[in-house]
Every structure is written in C-alpha cells, then in structure tokens.
Amino acid sequence: MKITKILTVAAAVTLVGQVAQAQDTAHVWNDPRGWWGNHFVYDAQNTSKFTAHELNLDLFGSYWAGQEKVEDVFDTNIRRGTWGGGIGLNYFLTREIGFGGDLNISDNDGNFIDSASGSLIARFPIESVGLAPYIFGGGTRLTDRHWEWAGHAGIGLEFRPNPITGIFADARYLWPDDSGDSLLLRAGLRLVF
C-alpha cells in the first residue's frame, strides 16, 4: 500500500514538472539570479503578478480558537485562543486553480505540530491592483490533544506588490470528527518561485 502511494506521488511530481517546463513563465528555477535581482523592479505592462505553474512558500502567524458552531465565529474572543505560526507550500496548475499544504504550530504546550492540512484553492486575481481573493477547502489531520481528521473550508485575500512577493490573510473553519469545531486565522508572507 505504501509503495502505491509513493509511486503515485512520484508520478504526479514528474507530470507537474514536465508541464511546468513546457511553459514560458519565468520562475526561480529558470533564472535564479533574475528572480531576486528583479525583486522590487519589474515591467508592469508585460509581467503578470499571478501566473500558472507558480510555486509559493507561505510563512505565517496564526490564531486558533475553539468554536461551538459556525454561528459563533463572530463572537470569538481573541483572549481565549492560541497564538502560533506555520509554514505552507502551494502550487497553481493554472492562474486560478491550485493546491496547497500547510503545517500549523501553536503555543499550547502540546505537540510541536498541531495540524497538517491539504487544500484545493480557487483564486480570482485582479491584476490591475495586485489583489487575489481566494477560497479553499480540504482535509486536516489534527495532532494536538486528539489525533483525528477534520474537514475545512475558508476564504482569504492576497496582495502582491510585485510578481514574487505577496502578503496574505485568510480564515478557515474546521469540522473535526470527534472534538469541537475550531477557527484558524492566518496572516503572513507569500514568496513565489
């Protein structure tokens, strides 16, 4: 069973790599010096801030709060949650559709990694102002207190001043199998490769 999963992931990575090589987009693997050298200078007329075959690294701060039900989201008290941070990786197959994964690490004296999530992402770039609202959903493996699976759905907004750096904020609601629901807020830096 493990070998089947490993071969499936290897085939998917190979396919994505082949498709990415077939495109004419400029990324860090095509021109490593140009990637950072043009960090704050770019041709706004000829360069898109959001592209297909884009790999993103997320570095974020987070806030995790338990919820009784969805309607309680707007009654959340910021003093009763847990602060933390994490790291994520996203890949966009097209300009609008991608998938991603992230790890959240909260300061709650529990396990080092509190959750690992995988998401399907749909973004809606507004190129003229560098904004991209997005929605996402998927599955999460919770590891703190109880090891259990959860579904999640969320919304977010990203701002890009240039094609390789973004600032993002998003919110997701989690529905675990056994324990209570929760809200996860994230905000951070997104680096595009």
C-alpha atoms as a PDB file:
ATOM      1  CA  MET A   1       0.000   0.000   0.000  1.00  0.00           C
ATOM      2  CA  LYS A   2       2.822   2.419   0.883  1.00  0.00           C
ATOM      3  CA  ILE A   3       4.654   1.686  -2.388  1.00  0.00           C
ATOM      4  CA  THR A   4       1.493   2.520  -4.367  1.00  0.00           C
ATOM      5  CA  LYS A   5       1.200   5.892  -2.622  1.00  0.00           C
ATOM      6  CA  ILE A   6       4.889   6.651  -3.171  1.00  0.00           C
ATOM      7  CA  LEU A   7       4.672   5.775  -6.874  1.00  0.00           C
ATOM      8  CA  THR A   8       1.510   7.883  -7.288  1.00  0.00           C
ATOM      9  CA  VAL A   9       3.155  10.924  -5.686  1.00  0.00           C
ATOM     10  CA  ALA A  10       6.323  10.430  -7.770  1.00  0.00           C
ATOM     11  CA  ALA A  11       4.264  10.226 -10.982  1.00  0.00           C
ATOM     12  CA  ALA A  12       2.315  13.364 -10.061  1.00  0.00           C
ATOM     13  CA  VAL A  13       5.502  15.329  -9.292  1.00  0.00           C
ATOM     14  CA  THR A  14       7.056  14.203 -12.590  1.00  0.00           C
ATOM     15  CA  LEU A  15       3.938  15.198 -14.545  1.00  0.00           C
ATOM     16  CA  VAL A  16       3.772  18.628 -12.890  1.00  0.00           C
ATOM     17  CA  GLY A  17       7.488  19.154 -13.612  1.00  0.00           C
ATOM     18  CA  GLN A  18       7.031  18.279 -17.284  1.00  0.00           C
ATOM     19  CA  VAL A  19       4.070  20.621 -17.643  1.00  0.00           C
ATOM     20  CA  ALA A  20       5.971  23.427 -15.886  1.00  0.00           C
ATOM     21  CA  GLN A  21       8.945  23.039 -18.249  1.00  0.00           C
ATOM     22  CA  ALA A  22       6.647  23.318 -21.245  1.00  0.00           C
ATOM     23  CA  GLN A  23       5.502  26.798 -20.170  1.00  0.00           C
ATOM     24  CA  ASP A  24       7.310  30.068 -20.856  1.00  0.00           C
ATOM     25  CA  THR A  25       6.860  31.551 -17.368  1.00  0.00           C
ATOM     26  CA  ALA A  26       9.891  32.959 -15.554  1.00  0.00           C
ATOM     27  CA  HIS A  27      10.454  31.319 -12.194  1.00  0.00           C
ATOM     28  CA  VAL A  28      13.410  30.871  -9.857  1.00  0.00           C
ATOM     29  CA  TRP A  29      14.406  27.548 -11.451  1.00  0.00           C
ATOM     30  CA  ASN A  30      14.689  29.206 -14.880  1.00  0.00           C
ATOM     31  CA  ASP A  31      16.792  32.207 -13.793  1.00  0.00           C
ATOM     32  CA  PRO A  32      17.905  32.147 -10.124  1.00  0.00           C
ATOM     33  CA  ARG A  33      19.772  35.487 -10.275  1.00  0.00           C
ATOM     34  CA  GLY A  34      16.954  37.240 -12.091  1.00  0.00           C
ATOM     35  CA  TRP A  35      14.446  36.046  -9.512  1.00  0.00           C
ATOM     36  CA  TRP A  36      15.924  38.091  -6.664  1.00  0.00           C
ATOM     37  CA  GLY A  37      17.608  40.764  -8.795  1.00  0.00           C
ATOM     38  CA  ASN A  38      14.216  41.922 -10.063  1.00  0.00           C
ATOM     39  CA  HIS A  39      12.513  41.667  -6.699  1.00  0.00           C
ATOM     40  CA  PHE A  40      11.450  45.288  -6.464  1.00  0.00           C
ATOM     41  CA  VAL A  41      11.648  46.265 -10.138  1.00  0.00           C
ATOM     42  CA  TYR A  42       9.536  44.790 -12.913  1.00  0.00           C
ATOM     43  CA  ASP A  43       7.794  45.758 -16.118  1.00  0.00           C
ATOM     44  CA  ALA A  44       4.152  46.202 -15.068  1.00  0.00           C
ATOM     45  CA  GLN A  45       2.994  46.267 -18.707  1.00  0.00           C
ATOM     46  CA  ASN A  46       4.483  42.903 -19.664  1.00  0.00           C
ATOM     47  CA  THR A  47       4.635  40.954 -16.393  1.00  0.00           C
ATOM     48  CA  SER A  48       1.695  39.268 -14.712  1.00  0.00           C
ATOM     49  CA  LYS A  49       1.690  39.150 -10.913  1.00  0.00           C
ATOM     50  CA  PHE A  50      -0.311  35.888 -10.877  1.00  0.00           C
ATOM     51  CA  THR A  51       0.728  33.096 -13.254  1.00  0.00           C
ATOM     52  CA  ALA A  52       0.145  29.440 -13.983  1.00  0.00           C
ATOM     53  CA  HIS A  53       2.701  26.884 -12.756  1.00  0.00           C
ATOM     54  CA  GLU A  54       3.512  29.007  -9.737  1.00  0.00           C
ATOM     55  CA  LEU A  55       5.107  27.584  -6.581  1.00  0.00           C
ATOM     56  CA  ASN A  56       4.518  29.595  -3.366  1.00  0.00           C
ATOM     57  CA  LEU A  57       6.090  29.352   0.081  1.00  0.00           C
ATOM     58  CA  ASP A  58       3.917  30.664   2.937  1.00  0.00           C
ATOM     59  CA  LEU A  59       5.372  31.867   6.246  1.00  0.00           C
ATOM     60  CA  PHE A  60       2.602  32.906   8.611  1.00  0.00           C
ATOM     61  CA  GLY A  61       1.433  33.753  12.098  1.00  0.00           C
ATOM     62  CA  SER A  62      -1.763  32.091  13.281  1.00  0.00           C
ATOM     63  CA  TYR A  63      -4.553  32.277  15.820  1.00  0.00           C
ATOM     64  CA  TRP A  64      -6.562  29.150  16.741  1.00  0.00           C
ATOM     65  CA  ALA A  65      -9.871  29.344  18.641  1.00  0.00           C
ATOM     66  CA  GLY A  66     -12.400  26.668  19.562  1.00  0.00           C
ATOM     67  CA  GLN A  67     -15.986  27.148  18.358  1.00  0.00           C
ATOM     68  CA  GLU A  68     -19.326  25.678  19.381  1.00  0.00           C
ATOM     69  CA  LYS A  69     -20.855  26.126  15.921  1.00  0.00           C
ATOM     70  CA  VAL A  70     -20.378  28.217  12.766  1.00  0.00           C
ATOM     71  CA  GLU A  71     -22.651  30.983  14.062  1.00  0.00           C
ATOM     72  CA  ASP A  72     -20.223  31.596  16.975  1.00  0.00           C
ATOM     73  CA  VAL A  73     -17.397  32.740  14.686  1.00  0.00           C
ATOM     74  CA  PHE A  74     -18.300  36.407  15.099  1.00  0.00           C
ATOM     75  CA  ASP A  75     -18.403  36.056  18.913  1.00  0.00           C
ATOM     76  CA  THR A  76     -14.802  34.812  19.104  1.00  0.00           C
ATOM     77  CA  ASN A  77     -12.807  36.438  21.921  1.00  0.00           C
ATOM     78  CA  ILE A  78      -9.176  36.941  20.905  1.00  0.00           C
ATOM     79  CA  ARG A  79      -8.038  36.308  24.509  1.00  0.00           C
ATOM     80  CA  ARG A  80      -9.346  32.736  24.596  1.00  0.00           C
ATOM     81  CA  GLY A  81      -7.441  31.289  21.655  1.00  0.00           C
ATOM     82  CA  THR A  82      -3.913  30.112  20.967  1.00  0.00           C
ATOM     83  CA  TRP A  83      -1.281  32.057  19.007  1.00  0.00           C
ATOM     84  CA  GLY A  84       1.270  30.369  16.797  1.00  0.00           C
ATOM     85  CA  GLY A  85       2.654  30.208  13.294  1.00  0.00           C
ATOM     86  CA  GLY A  86       3.492  27.874  10.496  1.00  0.00           C
ATOM     87  CA  ILE A  87       4.702  27.152   7.018  1.00  0.00           C
ATOM     88  CA  GLY A  88       2.928  26.187   3.809  1.00  0.00           C
ATOM     89  CA  LEU A  89       3.559  25.317   0.184  1.00  0.00           C
ATOM     90  CA  ASN A  90       1.159  25.948  -2.727  1.00  0.00           C
ATOM     91  CA  TYR A  91       1.301  25.102  -6.415  1.00  0.00           C
ATOM     92  CA  PHE A  92      -1.004  26.633  -9.028  1.00  0.00           C
ATOM     93  CA  LEU A  93      -1.663  24.497 -12.098  1.00  0.00           C
ATOM     94  CA  THR A  94      -3.469  27.395 -13.779  1.00  0.00           C
ATOM     95  CA  ARG A  95      -3.638  31.057 -12.879  1.00  0.00           C
ATOM     96  CA  GLU A  96      -6.823  30.385 -10.876  1.00  0.00           C
ATOM     97  CA  ILE A  97      -6.671  26.764  -9.622  1.00  0.00           C
ATOM     98  CA  GLY A  98      -4.070  25.271  -7.307  1.00  0.00           C
ATOM     99  CA  PHE A  99      -3.478  23.038  -4.334  1.00  0.00           C
ATOM    100  CA  GLY A 100      -1.522  23.528  -1.160  1.00  0.00           C
ATOM    101  CA  GLY A 101      -0.453  22.138   2.166  1.00  0.00           C
ATOM    102  CA  ASP A 102       0.478  23.753   5.455  1.00  0.00           C
ATOM    103  CA  LEU A 103       1.626  22.936   8.976  1.00  0.00           C
ATOM    104  CA  ASN A 104       0.394  24.949  11.959  1.00  0.00           C
ATOM    105  CA  ILE A 105       2.440  25.187  15.159  1.00  0.00           C
ATOM    106  CA  SER A 106       0.598  26.708  18.144  1.00  0.00           C
ATOM    107  CA  ASP A 107       1.963  27.795  21.518  1.00  0.00           C
ATOM    108  CA  ASN A 108      -0.222  25.471  23.592  1.00  0.00           C
ATOM    109  CA  ASP A 109       2.263  23.155  25.353  1.00  0.00           C
ATOM    110  CA  GLY A 110       1.003  20.255  23.210  1.00  0.00           C
ATOM    111  CA  ASN A 111       2.559  18.536  20.205  1.00  0.00           C
ATOM    112  CA  PHE A 112       5.039  20.560  18.170  1.00  0.00           C
ATOM    113  CA  ILE A 113       2.856  20.411  15.036  1.00  0.00           C
ATOM    114  CA  ASP A 114      -0.838  20.870  15.844  1.00  0.00           C
ATOM    115  CA  SER A 115      -2.247  20.327  12.375  1.00  0.00           C
ATOM    116  CA  ALA A 116      -1.314  19.397   8.818  1.00  0.00           C
ATOM    117  CA  SER A 117      -3.734  20.490   6.093  1.00  0.00           C
ATOM    118  CA  GLY A 118      -4.184  19.921   2.377  1.00  0.00           C
ATOM    119  CA  SER A 119      -6.397  22.220   0.303  1.00  0.00           C
ATOM    120  CA  LEU A 120      -7.774  22.799  -3.157  1.00  0.00           C
ATOM    121  CA  ILE A 121      -7.557  26.558  -3.875  1.00  0.00           C
ATOM    122  CA  ALA A 122      -9.532  28.740  -6.282  1.00  0.00           C
ATOM    123  CA  ARG A 123      -8.261  32.308  -6.592  1.00  0.00           C
ATOM    124  CA  PHE A 124      -9.689  35.227  -8.524  1.00  0.00           C
ATOM    125  CA  PRO A 125      -6.808  37.590  -9.489  1.00  0.00           C
ATOM    126  CA  ILE A 126      -7.474  41.273 -10.066  1.00  0.00           C
ATOM    127  CA  GLU A 127      -4.256  42.062 -11.926  1.00  0.00           C
ATOM    128  CA  SER A 128      -4.673  45.852 -12.088  1.00  0.00           C
ATOM    129  CA  VAL A 129      -4.476  46.251  -8.297  1.00  0.00           C
ATOM    130  CA  GLY A 130      -2.455  43.137  -7.421  1.00  0.00           C
ATOM    131  CA  LEU A 131      -5.210  41.565  -5.322  1.00  0.00           C
ATOM    132  CA  ALA A 132      -6.423  37.978  -5.416  1.00  0.00           C
ATOM    133  CA  PRO A 133      -9.366  36.906  -3.267  1.00  0.00           C
ATOM    134  CA  TYR A 134      -9.443  33.125  -2.869  1.00  0.00           C
ATOM    135  CA  ILE A 135     -11.500  30.288  -1.443  1.00  0.00           C
ATOM    136  CA  PHE A 136     -10.198  26.913  -0.349  1.00  0.00           C
ATOM    137  CA  GLY A 137     -11.228  23.657   1.245  1.00  0.00           C
ATOM    138  CA  GLY A 138      -9.856  20.265   2.053  1.00  0.00           C
ATOM    139  CA  GLY A 139      -8.791  17.972   4.852  1.00  0.00           C
ATOM    140  CA  THR A 140      -6.768  18.416   8.021  1.00  0.00           C
ATOM    141  CA  ARG A 141      -5.017  15.987  10.336  1.00  0.00           C
ATOM    142  CA  LEU A 142      -5.186  17.343  13.890  1.00  0.00           C
ATOM    143  CA  THR A 143      -2.443  16.091  16.216  1.00  0.00           C
ATOM    144  CA  ASP A 144      -2.933  18.083  19.410  1.00  0.00           C
ATOM    145  CA  ARG A 145      -4.955  16.565  22.256  1.00  0.00           C
ATOM    146  CA  HIS A 146      -6.746  14.131  19.901  1.00  0.00           C
ATOM    147  CA  TRP A 147      -5.372  12.617  16.709  1.00  0.00           C
ATOM    148  CA  GLU A 148      -8.296  12.992  14.340  1.00  0.00           C
ATOM    149  CA  TRP A 149      -9.337  14.066  10.862  1.00  0.00           C
ATOM    150  CA  ALA A 150     -11.207  17.276  10.092  1.00  0.00           C
ATOM    151  CA  GLY A 151     -12.659  18.933   7.030  1.00  0.00           C
ATOM    152  CA  HIS A 152     -12.072  22.627   6.491  1.00  0.00           C
ATOM    153  CA  ALA A 153     -13.226  25.487   4.278  1.00  0.00           C
ATOM    154  CA  GLY A 154     -12.076  29.086   4.169  1.00  0.00           C
ATOM    155  CA  ILE A 155     -11.638  32.419   2.442  1.00  0.00           C
ATOM    156  CA  GLY A 156      -8.646  34.689   2.025  1.00  0.00           C
ATOM    157  CA  LEU A 157      -7.103  37.697   0.330  1.00  0.00           C
ATOM    158  CA  GLU A 158      -3.597  38.142  -1.107  1.00  0.00           C
ATOM    159  CA  PHE A 159      -1.905  41.388  -2.128  1.00  0.00           C
ATOM    160  CA  ARG A 160       1.138  41.346  -4.425  1.00  0.00           C
ATOM    161  CA  PRO A 161       3.187  44.496  -4.923  1.00  0.00           C
ATOM    162  CA  ASN A 162       5.310  42.550  -7.444  1.00  0.00           C
ATOM    163  CA  PRO A 163       5.241  39.089  -9.089  1.00  0.00           C
ATOM    164  CA  ILE A 164       7.346  37.312  -6.446  1.00  0.00           C
ATOM    165  CA  THR A 165       6.188  38.653  -3.069  1.00  0.00           C
ATOM    166  CA  GLY A 166       2.726  38.601  -1.544  1.00  0.00           C
ATOM    167  CA  ILE A 167       1.053  39.405   1.750  1.00  0.00           C
ATOM    168  CA  PHE A 168      -1.947  37.257   2.647  1.00  0.00           C
ATOM    169  CA  ALA A 169      -4.602  36.763   5.317  1.00  0.00           C
ATOM    170  CA  ASP A 170      -7.171  34.009   5.490  1.00  0.00           C
ATOM    171  CA  ALA A 171      -9.659  32.310   7.792  1.00  0.00           C
ATOM    172  CA  ARG A 172     -10.734  28.674   7.838  1.00  0.00           C
ATOM    173  CA  TYR A 173     -13.355  26.792   9.797  1.00  0.00           C
ATOM    174  CA  LEU A 174     -12.573  23.204  10.824  1.00  0.00           C
ATOM    175  CA  TRP A 175     -15.080  20.397  11.468  1.00  0.00           C
ATOM    176  CA  PRO A 176     -13.291  17.551  13.320  1.00  0.00           C
ATOM    177  CA  ASP A 177     -14.675  14.006  13.638  1.00  0.00           C
ATOM    178  CA  ASP A 178     -14.930  13.916  17.439  1.00  0.00           C
ATOM    179  CA  SER A 179     -13.828  17.120  19.195  1.00  0.00           C
ATOM    180  CA  GLY A 180     -15.354  20.595  18.880  1.00  0.00           C
ATOM    181  CA  ASP A 181     -15.135  22.831  15.817  1.00  0.00           C
ATOM    182  CA  SER A 182     -12.433  25.490  15.549  1.00  0.00           C
ATOM    183  CA  LEU A 183     -11.444  28.631  13.699  1.00  0.00           C
ATOM    184  CA  LEU A 184      -7.926  29.160  12.322  1.00  0.00           C
ATOM    185  CA  LEU A 185      -6.821  32.647  11.252  1.00  0.00           C
ATOM    186  CA  ARG A 186      -3.535  33.090   9.354  1.00  0.00           C
ATOM    187  CA  ALA A 187      -1.619  36.120   8.091  1.00  0.00           C
ATOM    188  CA  GLY A 188       1.831  36.234   6.587  1.00  0.00           C
ATOM    189  CA  LEU A 189       4.265  36.479   3.723  1.00  0.00           C
ATOM    190  CA  ARG A 190       3.996  34.530   0.460  1.00  0.00           C
ATOM    191  CA  LEU A 191       7.150  34.073  -1.659  1.00  0.00           C
ATOM    192  CA  VAL A 192       6.651  32.998  -5.286  1.00  0.00           C
ATOM    193  CA  PHE A 193       9.262  30.794  -7.002  1.00  0.00           C
END
